[in-house]
Amino acid sequence: MGELFDETCRKKLIGILTGAGAIYLLYRAIRSGLVTPQEDDEDLLIDRCGNSTLESIGALGDHSVPSNSVSSNSVKMNLQDLKTVLTILHESKDPVIRGTILTSIYRIPGFSTSQELFRSEGGIPIIAESLDDPLNYIKASAVTVFNFLSNDPVNRDLLVKYIPQVLKLTTLTFQEFEQLPCLRFLTKMSLNHQNHFLLKHAIPDFFHLLQTGSSSIKFQVLQILINFSTNMELTLDMLNVQVQASFLFLFNYFQRQDVLNDLLLLVSNLNEIRRSLPYRSNNHEYLEDSVCVLLFGPDSQFSSRLIYLMAFPDDRIKLQAARIVTNLV
């Protein structure tokens, strides 16, 4: 298979952009690596039945075709085309080809309606192979495909097994462009309480990212932690996480508004469970520098932060802060 990926194929892929037009170029570039020199280039667009191959994969790169003539909700991917793309992704060592496929495959109209076909051809394990790629952007691209695939309930069940791998990528990398797709995927998977046991050991890492990450990282981590905060079985793990005193600095007037709102929602959820009778019926011991002691301990400065936020211009923030203050005891 290696000889199929010649220099001509590679050069065509280098200039590919994203979007529907890219799918057309991607398909032609890939097919150009598969045909024999005797085949005419235009024949790449005609299948054995005389139909347009471009139409069969739903590509819209030809602007002579009206954009509404092909619907992503009705077009089904051609089996042979799907096999071709997956075979190349599985066997190619060229990072340009692999990266282009991973960033383009889920944009093909008809892909979302061909999930059963994708699964039957071993698509998920083939995408998962790229999680071990030496190049970080290939790994991140594979997780982005996982994000798309996880919109399908059947796919979500099959993707559970890859949670530990994605979690490892999240906690071992320091690049935001690599972490964000991982966190988005883990957010979707954390919606199901049954998956929390695969994620709970990383709670300290999530809190670390919450303190040290960019606003985008903070926002995405909070989505995971908020999902955790609805599970009473994880409350002790979250409240007993060790954090620095600077954790309180997150609750400041200059924090991005959506981040601040979700921070308060997280704390409100934890506080409600902490004060609930089922939780209080058991004796819990907390570390001295834990989230619980920092936020709810007798010497906590958290209430002064909340009072400060009650003057915030956004009503949601005011109400969240006021609700927590009145329930701190």
C-alpha atoms as a PDB file:
ATOM      1  CA  MET A   1       0.000   0.000   0.000  1.00  0.00           C
ATOM      2  CA  GLY A   2       2.933   2.290   0.684  1.00  0.00           C
ATOM      3  CA  GLU A   3       3.782   2.853  -2.964  1.00  0.00           C
ATOM      4  CA  LEU A   4       0.325   4.286  -3.559  1.00  0.00           C
ATOM      5  CA  PHE A   5       1.123   7.422  -1.596  1.00  0.00           C
ATOM      6  CA  ASP A   6       3.368   9.026  -4.174  1.00  0.00           C
ATOM      7  CA  GLU A   7       4.691  12.555  -4.208  1.00  0.00           C
ATOM      8  CA  THR A   8       1.850  13.766  -6.440  1.00  0.00           C
ATOM      9  CA  CYS A   9      -0.725  12.633  -3.892  1.00  0.00           C
ATOM     10  CA  ARG A  10       1.189  14.275  -1.077  1.00  0.00           C
ATOM     11  CA  LYS A  11       1.598  17.598  -2.883  1.00  0.00           C
ATOM     12  CA  LYS A  12      -2.112  17.787  -3.618  1.00  0.00           C
ATOM     13  CA  LEU A  13      -2.922  17.252   0.047  1.00  0.00           C
ATOM     14  CA  ILE A  14      -0.594  19.944   1.377  1.00  0.00           C
ATOM     15  CA  GLY A  15      -2.750  22.775   0.057  1.00  0.00           C
ATOM     16  CA  ILE A  16      -6.109  21.367   1.126  1.00  0.00           C
ATOM     17  CA  LEU A  17      -8.309  23.695   3.140  1.00  0.00           C
ATOM     18  CA  THR A  18     -11.173  22.725   5.407  1.00  0.00           C
ATOM     19  CA  GLY A  19     -14.813  22.658   4.391  1.00  0.00           C
ATOM     20  CA  ALA A  20     -16.877  20.995   1.700  1.00  0.00           C
ATOM     21  CA  GLY A  21     -14.491  21.978  -1.084  1.00  0.00           C
ATOM     22  CA  ALA A  22     -11.706  20.294   0.809  1.00  0.00           C
ATOM     23  CA  ILE A  23     -13.590  17.016   0.777  1.00  0.00           C
ATOM     24  CA  TYR A  24     -13.648  17.161  -3.014  1.00  0.00           C
ATOM     25  CA  LEU A  25      -9.907  17.826  -3.153  1.00  0.00           C
ATOM     26  CA  LEU A  26      -9.232  15.217  -0.502  1.00  0.00           C
ATOM     27  CA  TYR A  27     -11.154  12.602  -2.395  1.00  0.00           C
ATOM     28  CA  ARG A  28      -9.423  13.371  -5.675  1.00  0.00           C
ATOM     29  CA  ALA A  29      -6.015  13.425  -4.030  1.00  0.00           C
ATOM     30  CA  ILE A  30      -6.597  10.102  -2.334  1.00  0.00           C
ATOM     31  CA  ARG A  31      -7.980   8.506  -5.466  1.00  0.00           C
ATOM     32  CA  SER A  32      -5.032   9.819  -7.483  1.00  0.00           C
ATOM     33  CA  GLY A  33      -2.833   7.662  -5.289  1.00  0.00           C
ATOM     34  CA  LEU A  34      -4.926   4.606  -6.014  1.00  0.00           C
ATOM     35  CA  VAL A  35      -5.338   4.653  -9.810  1.00  0.00           C
ATOM     36  CA  THR A  36      -2.900   3.352 -12.348  1.00  0.00           C
ATOM     37  CA  PRO A  37      -1.025   5.803 -14.631  1.00  0.00           C
ATOM     38  CA  GLN A  38      -3.163   4.672 -17.581  1.00  0.00           C
ATOM     39  CA  GLU A  39      -6.402   5.944 -16.021  1.00  0.00           C
ATOM     40  CA  ASP A  40      -7.638   9.327 -17.052  1.00  0.00           C
ATOM     41  CA  ASP A  41      -7.928  11.809 -14.194  1.00  0.00           C
ATOM     42  CA  GLU A  42     -11.528  12.710 -14.990  1.00  0.00           C
ATOM     43  CA  ASP A  43     -12.494   9.033 -14.735  1.00  0.00           C
ATOM     44  CA  LEU A  44     -11.918   9.331 -11.004  1.00  0.00           C
ATOM     45  CA  LEU A  45     -15.319  10.986 -10.764  1.00  0.00           C
ATOM     46  CA  ILE A  46     -17.264   8.147 -12.419  1.00  0.00           C
ATOM     47  CA  ASP A  47     -17.982   4.838 -10.710  1.00  0.00           C
ATOM     48  CA  ARG A  48     -18.550   1.486 -12.429  1.00  0.00           C
ATOM     49  CA  CYS A  49     -22.269   2.151 -12.754  1.00  0.00           C
ATOM     50  CA  GLY A  50     -21.697   5.422 -14.557  1.00  0.00           C
ATOM     51  CA  ASN A  51     -22.708   7.528 -11.559  1.00  0.00           C
ATOM     52  CA  SER A  52     -20.822  10.535 -10.287  1.00  0.00           C
ATOM     53  CA  THR A  53     -18.449   9.479  -7.540  1.00  0.00           C
ATOM     54  CA  LEU A  54     -18.459  13.045  -6.278  1.00  0.00           C
ATOM     55  CA  GLU A  55     -22.201  12.851  -5.717  1.00  0.00           C
ATOM     56  CA  SER A  56     -21.917   9.442  -4.076  1.00  0.00           C
ATOM     57  CA  ILE A  57     -19.754  10.831  -1.295  1.00  0.00           C
ATOM     58  CA  GLY A  58     -21.707  14.052  -1.073  1.00  0.00           C
ATOM     59  CA  ALA A  59     -18.751  16.303  -1.897  1.00  0.00           C
ATOM     60  CA  LEU A  60     -19.612  19.859  -2.883  1.00  0.00           C
ATOM     61  CA  GLY A  61     -16.335  21.127  -4.233  1.00  0.00           C
ATOM     62  CA  ASP A  62     -17.703  21.603  -7.734  1.00  0.00           C
ATOM     63  CA  HIS A  63     -19.418  24.983  -7.566  1.00  0.00           C
ATOM     64  CA  SER A  64     -21.405  24.143 -10.688  1.00  0.00           C
ATOM     65  CA  VAL A  65     -23.490  21.850  -8.481  1.00  0.00           C
ATOM     66  CA  PRO A  66     -26.101  23.807  -6.473  1.00  0.00           C
ATOM     67  CA  SER A  67     -25.385  23.661  -2.766  1.00  0.00           C
ATOM     68  CA  ASN A  68     -28.920  22.474  -2.018  1.00  0.00           C
ATOM     69  CA  SER A  69     -28.762  19.589  -4.476  1.00  0.00           C
ATOM     70  CA  VAL A  70     -27.081  17.319  -1.929  1.00  0.00           C
ATOM     71  CA  SER A  71     -28.391  17.056   1.621  1.00  0.00           C
ATOM     72  CA  SER A  72     -26.176  15.855   4.447  1.00  0.00           C
ATOM     73  CA  ASN A  73     -29.285  14.329   6.021  1.00  0.00           C
ATOM     74  CA  SER A  74     -30.181  12.173   3.024  1.00  0.00           C
ATOM     75  CA  VAL A  75     -26.891  11.266   1.318  1.00  0.00           C
ATOM     76  CA  LYS A  76     -25.311   7.965   2.235  1.00  0.00           C
ATOM     77  CA  MET A  77     -21.603   7.395   1.864  1.00  0.00           C
ATOM     78  CA  ASN A  78     -20.514   4.948  -0.795  1.00  0.00           C
ATOM     79  CA  LEU A  79     -19.175   1.760   0.818  1.00  0.00           C
ATOM     80  CA  GLN A  80     -16.136   1.502  -1.434  1.00  0.00           C
ATOM     81  CA  ASP A  81     -15.250   5.156  -0.878  1.00  0.00           C
ATOM     82  CA  LEU A  82     -15.462   4.695   2.881  1.00  0.00           C
ATOM     83  CA  LYS A  83     -13.315   1.557   2.708  1.00  0.00           C
ATOM     84  CA  THR A  84     -10.757   3.435   0.628  1.00  0.00           C
ATOM     85  CA  VAL A  85     -10.455   6.330   3.073  1.00  0.00           C
ATOM     86  CA  LEU A  86     -10.254   4.022   6.112  1.00  0.00           C
ATOM     87  CA  THR A  87      -7.680   1.775   4.412  1.00  0.00           C
ATOM     88  CA  ILE A  88      -5.465   4.741   3.616  1.00  0.00           C
ATOM     89  CA  LEU A  89      -5.770   6.080   7.155  1.00  0.00           C
ATOM     90  CA  HIS A  90      -4.867   2.646   8.520  1.00  0.00           C
ATOM     91  CA  GLU A  91      -1.870   2.028   6.239  1.00  0.00           C
ATOM     92  CA  SER A  92      -0.452   5.448   5.380  1.00  0.00           C
ATOM     93  CA  LYS A  93       2.589   6.740   7.266  1.00  0.00           C
ATOM     94  CA  ASP A  94       2.338  10.177   5.679  1.00  0.00           C
ATOM     95  CA  PRO A  95       1.263  12.658   8.402  1.00  0.00           C
ATOM     96  CA  VAL A  96      -0.184  15.055   5.803  1.00  0.00           C
ATOM     97  CA  ILE A  97      -2.493  12.385   4.430  1.00  0.00           C
ATOM     98  CA  ARG A  98      -3.443  11.105   7.887  1.00  0.00           C
ATOM     99  CA  GLY A  99      -4.041  14.578   9.264  1.00  0.00           C
ATOM    100  CA  THR A 100      -6.127  15.613   6.268  1.00  0.00           C
ATOM    101  CA  ILE A 101      -8.341  12.549   6.503  1.00  0.00           C
ATOM    102  CA  LEU A 102      -8.886  13.024  10.237  1.00  0.00           C
ATOM    103  CA  THR A 103      -9.803  16.684   9.851  1.00  0.00           C
ATOM    104  CA  SER A 104     -12.056  16.064   6.860  1.00  0.00           C
ATOM    105  CA  ILE A 105     -13.831  12.738   7.137  1.00  0.00           C
ATOM    106  CA  TYR A 106     -16.608  13.854   9.476  1.00  0.00           C
ATOM    107  CA  ARG A 107     -17.356  16.880   7.292  1.00  0.00           C
ATOM    108  CA  ILE A 108     -18.417  14.747   4.341  1.00  0.00           C
ATOM    109  CA  PRO A 109     -22.181  15.158   3.839  1.00  0.00           C
ATOM    110  CA  GLY A 110     -23.738  11.799   4.523  1.00  0.00           C
ATOM    111  CA  PHE A 111     -21.135  10.748   7.087  1.00  0.00           C
ATOM    112  CA  SER A 112     -23.448  11.374  10.042  1.00  0.00           C
ATOM    113  CA  THR A 113     -26.156   9.204   8.462  1.00  0.00           C
ATOM    114  CA  SER A 114     -23.731   6.377   7.668  1.00  0.00           C
ATOM    115  CA  GLN A 115     -22.630   5.504  11.209  1.00  0.00           C
ATOM    116  CA  GLU A 116     -23.705   1.867  11.010  1.00  0.00           C
ATOM    117  CA  LEU A 117     -21.660   1.480   7.839  1.00  0.00           C
ATOM    118  CA  PHE A 118     -18.721   3.252   9.490  1.00  0.00           C
ATOM    119  CA  ARG A 119     -18.859   0.921  12.481  1.00  0.00           C
ATOM    120  CA  SER A 120     -19.196  -2.209  10.333  1.00  0.00           C
ATOM    121  CA  GLU A 121     -15.980  -1.271   8.514  1.00  0.00           C
ATOM    122  CA  GLY A 122     -14.065  -0.955  11.796  1.00  0.00           C
ATOM    123  CA  GLY A 123     -13.967   2.824  11.579  1.00  0.00           C
ATOM    124  CA  ILE A 124     -13.740   3.518  15.316  1.00  0.00           C
ATOM    125  CA  PRO A 125     -10.692   1.265  15.975  1.00  0.00           C
ATOM    126  CA  ILE A 126      -8.979   2.712  12.896  1.00  0.00           C
ATOM    127  CA  ILE A 127      -9.510   6.266  14.153  1.00  0.00           C
ATOM    128  CA  ALA A 128      -8.312   5.130  17.594  1.00  0.00           C
ATOM    129  CA  GLU A 129      -4.981   3.993  16.115  1.00  0.00           C
ATOM    130  CA  SER A 130      -4.097   7.665  15.689  1.00  0.00           C
ATOM    131  CA  LEU A 131      -4.243   8.192  19.463  1.00  0.00           C
ATOM    132  CA  ASP A 132      -0.790   6.589  19.541  1.00  0.00           C
ATOM    133  CA  ASP A 133       0.606   8.683  16.707  1.00  0.00           C
ATOM    134  CA  PRO A 134       3.907  10.425  17.556  1.00  0.00           C
ATOM    135  CA  LEU A 135       2.538  13.753  16.284  1.00  0.00           C
ATOM    136  CA  ASN A 136       0.337  15.616  18.735  1.00  0.00           C
ATOM    137  CA  TYR A 137      -1.849  17.269  16.136  1.00  0.00           C
ATOM    138  CA  ILE A 138      -2.725  13.834  14.722  1.00  0.00           C
ATOM    139  CA  LYS A 139      -3.757  12.677  18.202  1.00  0.00           C
ATOM    140  CA  ALA A 140      -5.836  15.813  18.733  1.00  0.00           C
ATOM    141  CA  SER A 141      -7.481  15.367  15.322  1.00  0.00           C
ATOM    142  CA  ALA A 142      -8.423  11.790  16.179  1.00  0.00           C
ATOM    143  CA  VAL A 143     -10.068  12.952  19.405  1.00  0.00           C
ATOM    144  CA  THR A 144     -11.961  15.589  17.414  1.00  0.00           C
ATOM    145  CA  VAL A 145     -13.380  12.779  15.273  1.00  0.00           C
ATOM    146  CA  PHE A 146     -14.320  10.979  18.494  1.00  0.00           C
ATOM    147  CA  ASN A 147     -16.213  14.116  19.536  1.00  0.00           C
ATOM    148  CA  PHE A 148     -18.248  13.958  16.370  1.00  0.00           C
ATOM    149  CA  LEU A 149     -18.812  10.218  16.649  1.00  0.00           C
ATOM    150  CA  SER A 150     -19.983  10.521  20.255  1.00  0.00           C
ATOM    151  CA  ASN A 151     -23.121  12.305  19.069  1.00  0.00           C
ATOM    152  CA  ASP A 152     -24.394   8.837  18.135  1.00  0.00           C
ATOM    153  CA  PRO A 153     -25.600   6.809  21.191  1.00  0.00           C
ATOM    154  CA  VAL A 154     -24.293   3.510  19.804  1.00  0.00           C
ATOM    155  CA  ASN A 155     -20.897   5.066  19.154  1.00  0.00           C
ATOM    156  CA  ARG A 156     -20.743   6.403  22.710  1.00  0.00           C
ATOM    157  CA  ASP A 157     -20.962   2.876  24.085  1.00  0.00           C
ATOM    158  CA  LEU A 158     -18.088   1.802  21.835  1.00  0.00           C
ATOM    159  CA  LEU A 159     -15.978   4.865  22.695  1.00  0.00           C
ATOM    160  CA  VAL A 160     -16.035   4.249  26.458  1.00  0.00           C
ATOM    161  CA  LYS A 161     -13.005   1.967  26.175  1.00  0.00           C
ATOM    162  CA  TYR A 162     -10.912   4.874  24.889  1.00  0.00           C
ATOM    163  CA  ILE A 163     -11.633   7.177  27.844  1.00  0.00           C
ATOM    164  CA  PRO A 164      -8.376   6.202  29.659  1.00  0.00           C
ATOM    165  CA  GLN A 165      -6.292   6.941  26.559  1.00  0.00           C
ATOM    166  CA  VAL A 166      -7.901  10.327  25.979  1.00  0.00           C
ATOM    167  CA  LEU A 167      -7.639  11.117  29.671  1.00  0.00           C
ATOM    168  CA  LYS A 168      -3.925  10.343  29.576  1.00  0.00           C
ATOM    169  CA  LEU A 169      -3.465  12.705  26.632  1.00  0.00           C
ATOM    170  CA  THR A 170      -5.342  15.412  28.544  1.00  0.00           C
ATOM    171  CA  THR A 171      -3.195  15.221  31.654  1.00  0.00           C
ATOM    172  CA  LEU A 172       0.189  14.693  29.983  1.00  0.00           C
ATOM    173  CA  THR A 173       0.086  17.535  27.481  1.00  0.00           C
ATOM    174  CA  PHE A 174       0.494  21.258  28.100  1.00  0.00           C
ATOM    175  CA  GLN A 175      -0.722  22.479  24.712  1.00  0.00           C
ATOM    176  CA  GLU A 176      -4.202  23.986  24.668  1.00  0.00           C
ATOM    177  CA  PHE A 177      -4.966  22.875  21.108  1.00  0.00           C
ATOM    178  CA  GLU A 178      -4.382  19.280  22.231  1.00  0.00           C
ATOM    179  CA  GLN A 179      -6.207  19.523  25.534  1.00  0.00           C
ATOM    180  CA  LEU A 180      -9.427  21.162  24.339  1.00  0.00           C
ATOM    181  CA  PRO A 181     -10.657  18.357  22.032  1.00  0.00           C
ATOM    182  CA  CYS A 182      -9.796  15.851  24.761  1.00  0.00           C
ATOM    183  CA  LEU A 183     -11.744  17.810  27.362  1.00  0.00           C
ATOM    184  CA  ARG A 184     -14.713  18.209  25.021  1.00  0.00           C
ATOM    185  CA  PHE A 185     -14.799  14.460  24.442  1.00  0.00           C
ATOM    186  CA  LEU A 186     -14.521  13.735  28.168  1.00  0.00           C
ATOM    187  CA  THR A 187     -17.317  16.226  28.837  1.00  0.00           C
ATOM    188  CA  LYS A 188     -19.685  14.253  26.622  1.00  0.00           C
ATOM    189  CA  MET A 189     -18.617  10.958  28.150  1.00  0.00           C
ATOM    190  CA  SER A 190     -19.010  12.323  31.689  1.00  0.00           C
ATOM    191  CA  LEU A 191     -22.707  12.986  31.076  1.00  0.00           C
ATOM    192  CA  ASN A 192     -23.206   9.294  31.855  1.00  0.00           C
ATOM    193  CA  HIS A 193     -22.649   8.574  35.574  1.00  0.00           C
ATOM    194  CA  GLN A 194     -21.598   5.038  34.683  1.00  0.00           C
ATOM    195  CA  ASN A 195     -18.426   6.442  33.111  1.00  0.00           C
ATOM    196  CA  HIS A 196     -17.401   8.418  36.192  1.00  0.00           C
ATOM    197  CA  PHE A 197     -15.437   5.512  37.665  1.00  0.00           C
ATOM    198  CA  LEU A 198     -13.054   5.761  34.688  1.00  0.00           C
ATOM    199  CA  LEU A 199     -12.518   9.471  35.346  1.00  0.00           C
ATOM    200  CA  LYS A 200     -12.592   9.946  39.110  1.00  0.00           C
ATOM    201  CA  HIS A 201      -8.870   9.368  39.646  1.00  0.00           C
ATOM    202  CA  ALA A 202      -8.196  12.406  37.430  1.00  0.00           C
ATOM    203  CA  ILE A 203     -10.236  14.820  39.582  1.00  0.00           C
ATOM    204  CA  PRO A 204      -7.056  16.396  41.054  1.00  0.00           C
ATOM    205  CA  ASP A 205      -5.753  16.929  37.509  1.00  0.00           C
ATOM    206  CA  PHE A 206      -8.987  18.642  36.501  1.00  0.00           C
ATOM    207  CA  PHE A 207      -8.765  20.988  39.462  1.00  0.00           C
ATOM    208  CA  HIS A 208      -5.156  21.726  38.541  1.00  0.00           C
ATOM    209  CA  LEU A 209      -6.221  22.622  34.992  1.00  0.00           C
ATOM    210  CA  LEU A 210      -8.986  24.766  36.454  1.00  0.00           C
ATOM    211  CA  GLN A 211      -6.388  26.831  38.313  1.00  0.00           C
ATOM    212  CA  THR A 212      -3.666  26.972  35.684  1.00  0.00           C
ATOM    213  CA  GLY A 213      -5.420  26.741  32.306  1.00  0.00           C
ATOM    214  CA  SER A 214      -6.615  29.452  29.960  1.00  0.00           C
ATOM    215  CA  SER A 215     -10.217  30.677  30.103  1.00  0.00           C
ATOM    216  CA  SER A 216     -11.145  28.161  27.381  1.00  0.00           C
ATOM    217  CA  ILE A 217      -9.560  25.322  29.345  1.00  0.00           C
ATOM    218  CA  LYS A 218     -11.252  26.487  32.548  1.00  0.00           C
ATOM    219  CA  PHE A 219     -14.641  26.571  30.861  1.00  0.00           C
ATOM    220  CA  GLN A 220     -14.277  23.065  29.432  1.00  0.00           C
ATOM    221  CA  VAL A 221     -12.928  21.556  32.665  1.00  0.00           C
ATOM    222  CA  LEU A 222     -15.859  23.074  34.534  1.00  0.00           C
ATOM    223  CA  GLN A 223     -18.300  21.219  32.285  1.00  0.00           C
ATOM    224  CA  ILE A 224     -16.745  17.941  33.453  1.00  0.00           C
ATOM    225  CA  LEU A 225     -16.611  18.945  37.115  1.00  0.00           C
ATOM    226  CA  ILE A 226     -20.227  20.131  37.030  1.00  0.00           C
ATOM    227  CA  ASN A 227     -21.233  16.729  35.653  1.00  0.00           C
ATOM    228  CA  PHE A 228     -19.300  15.122  38.514  1.00  0.00           C
ATOM    229  CA  SER A 229     -20.975  17.409  41.054  1.00  0.00           C
ATOM    230  CA  THR A 230     -24.349  15.811  40.313  1.00  0.00           C
ATOM    231  CA  ASN A 231     -23.007  12.443  41.478  1.00  0.00           C
ATOM    232  CA  MET A 232     -23.020  12.130  45.263  1.00  0.00           C
ATOM    233  CA  GLU A 233     -20.541   9.263  45.095  1.00  0.00           C
ATOM    234  CA  LEU A 234     -17.891  11.699  43.850  1.00  0.00           C
ATOM    235  CA  THR A 235     -18.598  14.494  46.328  1.00  0.00           C
ATOM    236  CA  LEU A 236     -15.979  13.440  48.873  1.00  0.00           C
ATOM    237  CA  ASP A 237     -13.376  12.994  46.128  1.00  0.00           C
ATOM    238  CA  MET A 238     -14.037  16.524  44.890  1.00  0.00           C
ATOM    239  CA  LEU A 239     -14.237  18.216  48.278  1.00  0.00           C
ATOM    240  CA  ASN A 240     -11.058  16.520  49.457  1.00  0.00           C
ATOM    241  CA  VAL A 241      -8.937  17.569  46.481  1.00  0.00           C
ATOM    242  CA  GLN A 242      -5.901  19.513  47.639  1.00  0.00           C
ATOM    243  CA  VAL A 243      -5.677  22.998  46.137  1.00  0.00           C
ATOM    244  CA  GLN A 244      -3.620  26.087  46.741  1.00  0.00           C
ATOM    245  CA  ALA A 245      -5.046  29.050  48.642  1.00  0.00           C
ATOM    246  CA  SER A 246      -4.912  30.930  45.333  1.00  0.00           C
ATOM    247  CA  PHE A 247      -7.903  28.824  44.247  1.00  0.00           C
ATOM    248  CA  LEU A 248     -10.064  31.576  45.720  1.00  0.00           C
ATOM    249  CA  PHE A 249      -8.630  34.010  43.179  1.00  0.00           C
ATOM    250  CA  LEU A 250     -10.715  32.271  40.536  1.00  0.00           C
ATOM    251  CA  PHE A 251     -13.760  33.993  41.993  1.00  0.00           C
ATOM    252  CA  ASN A 252     -12.889  37.480  40.861  1.00  0.00           C
ATOM    253  CA  TYR A 253     -14.573  40.349  39.088  1.00  0.00           C
ATOM    254  CA  PHE A 254     -12.363  40.002  36.005  1.00  0.00           C
ATOM    255  CA  GLN A 255     -12.950  36.314  35.394  1.00  0.00           C
ATOM    256  CA  ARG A 256     -14.604  35.505  32.077  1.00  0.00           C
ATOM    257  CA  GLN A 257     -18.325  35.659  32.770  1.00  0.00           C
ATOM    258  CA  ASP A 258     -19.283  32.166  31.594  1.00  0.00           C
ATOM    259  CA  VAL A 259     -16.383  30.709  33.573  1.00  0.00           C
ATOM    260  CA  LEU A 260     -17.404  32.594  36.702  1.00  0.00           C
ATOM    261  CA  ASN A 261     -21.016  31.507  36.336  1.00  0.00           C
ATOM    262  CA  ASP A 262     -20.006  27.850  36.033  1.00  0.00           C
ATOM    263  CA  LEU A 263     -17.586  28.132  38.964  1.00  0.00           C
ATOM    264  CA  LEU A 264     -20.444  29.286  41.147  1.00  0.00           C
ATOM    265  CA  LEU A 265     -22.717  26.553  39.793  1.00  0.00           C
ATOM    266  CA  LEU A 266     -20.083  23.947  40.655  1.00  0.00           C
ATOM    267  CA  VAL A 267     -19.688  25.269  44.199  1.00  0.00           C
ATOM    268  CA  SER A 268     -23.466  25.499  44.635  1.00  0.00           C
ATOM    269  CA  ASN A 269     -23.899  21.855  43.605  1.00  0.00           C
ATOM    270  CA  LEU A 270     -21.150  20.683  45.946  1.00  0.00           C
ATOM    271  CA  ASN A 271     -22.522  22.732  48.815  1.00  0.00           C
ATOM    272  CA  GLU A 272     -26.026  21.334  48.368  1.00  0.00           C
ATOM    273  CA  ILE A 273     -24.782  17.756  48.481  1.00  0.00           C
ATOM    274  CA  ARG A 274     -22.447  18.575  51.378  1.00  0.00           C
ATOM    275  CA  ARG A 275     -25.414  19.847  53.383  1.00  0.00           C
ATOM    276  CA  SER A 276     -27.781  17.032  52.396  1.00  0.00           C
ATOM    277  CA  LEU A 277     -28.842  14.501  55.013  1.00  0.00           C
ATOM    278  CA  PRO A 278     -27.583  11.409  53.124  1.00  0.00           C
ATOM    279  CA  TYR A 279     -24.109  12.934  52.844  1.00  0.00           C
ATOM    280  CA  ARG A 280     -24.007  14.244  56.407  1.00  0.00           C
ATOM    281  CA  SER A 281     -25.105  10.882  57.777  1.00  0.00           C
ATOM    282  CA  ASN A 282     -21.523   9.693  57.270  1.00  0.00           C
ATOM    283  CA  ASN A 283     -18.458  11.107  58.948  1.00  0.00           C
ATOM    284  CA  HIS A 284     -16.033  12.625  56.454  1.00  0.00           C
ATOM    285  CA  GLU A 285     -12.501  13.762  57.175  1.00  0.00           C
ATOM    286  CA  TYR A 286     -10.970  16.478  55.019  1.00  0.00           C
ATOM    287  CA  LEU A 287      -7.371  17.372  54.348  1.00  0.00           C
ATOM    288  CA  GLU A 288      -6.202  20.716  55.689  1.00  0.00           C
ATOM    289  CA  ASP A 289      -5.682  22.265  52.254  1.00  0.00           C
ATOM    290  CA  SER A 290      -8.724  20.660  50.626  1.00  0.00           C
ATOM    291  CA  VAL A 291     -11.442  22.326  48.568  1.00  0.00           C
ATOM    292  CA  CYS A 292     -13.890  21.756  51.429  1.00  0.00           C
ATOM    293  CA  VAL A 293     -11.742  23.509  54.041  1.00  0.00           C
ATOM    294  CA  LEU A 294     -10.854  26.353  51.677  1.00  0.00           C
ATOM    295  CA  LEU A 295     -14.457  27.044  50.666  1.00  0.00           C
ATOM    296  CA  PHE A 296     -16.532  25.915  53.628  1.00  0.00           C
ATOM    297  CA  GLY A 297     -14.137  25.712  56.589  1.00  0.00           C
ATOM    298  CA  PRO A 298     -14.521  27.881  59.720  1.00  0.00           C
ATOM    299  CA  ASP A 299     -11.651  30.168  58.683  1.00  0.00           C
ATOM    300  CA  SER A 300     -12.605  30.373  55.000  1.00  0.00           C
ATOM    301  CA  GLN A 301     -12.413  33.729  53.199  1.00  0.00           C
ATOM    302  CA  PHE A 302     -14.781  32.482  50.519  1.00  0.00           C
ATOM    303  CA  SER A 303     -17.818  34.339  51.844  1.00  0.00           C
ATOM    304  CA  SER A 304     -16.076  37.686  51.365  1.00  0.00           C
ATOM    305  CA  ARG A 305     -15.461  36.762  47.741  1.00  0.00           C
ATOM    306  CA  LEU A 306     -19.132  35.950  47.311  1.00  0.00           C
ATOM    307  CA  ILE A 307     -20.279  39.215  48.867  1.00  0.00           C
ATOM    308  CA  TYR A 308     -17.954  41.004  46.475  1.00  0.00           C
ATOM    309  CA  LEU A 309     -19.554  39.156  43.543  1.00  0.00           C
ATOM    310  CA  MET A 310     -23.054  40.101  44.669  1.00  0.00           C
ATOM    311  CA  ALA A 311     -22.293  43.490  43.122  1.00  0.00           C
ATOM    312  CA  PHE A 312     -21.481  41.875  39.765  1.00  0.00           C
ATOM    313  CA  PRO A 313     -23.336  43.499  36.826  1.00  0.00           C
ATOM    314  CA  ASP A 314     -24.779  40.180  35.586  1.00  0.00           C
ATOM    315  CA  ASP A 315     -27.895  39.055  37.463  1.00  0.00           C
ATOM    316  CA  ARG A 316     -27.033  35.360  37.130  1.00  0.00           C
ATOM    317  CA  ILE A 317     -23.756  35.892  38.974  1.00  0.00           C
ATOM    318  CA  LYS A 318     -25.458  37.965  41.676  1.00  0.00           C
ATOM    319  CA  LEU A 319     -28.116  35.334  42.296  1.00  0.00           C
ATOM    320  CA  GLN A 320     -25.620  32.461  42.308  1.00  0.00           C
ATOM    321  CA  ALA A 321     -23.371  34.261  44.805  1.00  0.00           C
ATOM    322  CA  ALA A 322     -26.309  35.225  47.041  1.00  0.00           C
ATOM    323  CA  ARG A 323     -27.691  31.664  47.002  1.00  0.00           C
ATOM    324  CA  ILE A 324     -24.376  30.196  48.103  1.00  0.00           C
ATOM    325  CA  VAL A 325     -23.847  32.809  50.846  1.00  0.00           C
ATOM    326  CA  THR A 326     -27.211  32.040  52.394  1.00  0.00           C
ATOM    327  CA  ASN A 327     -26.450  28.302  52.410  1.00  0.00           C
ATOM    328  CA  LEU A 328     -22.872  28.274  53.696  1.00  0.00           C
ATOM    329  CA  VAL A 329     -23.716  27.178  57.244  1.00  0.00           C
END
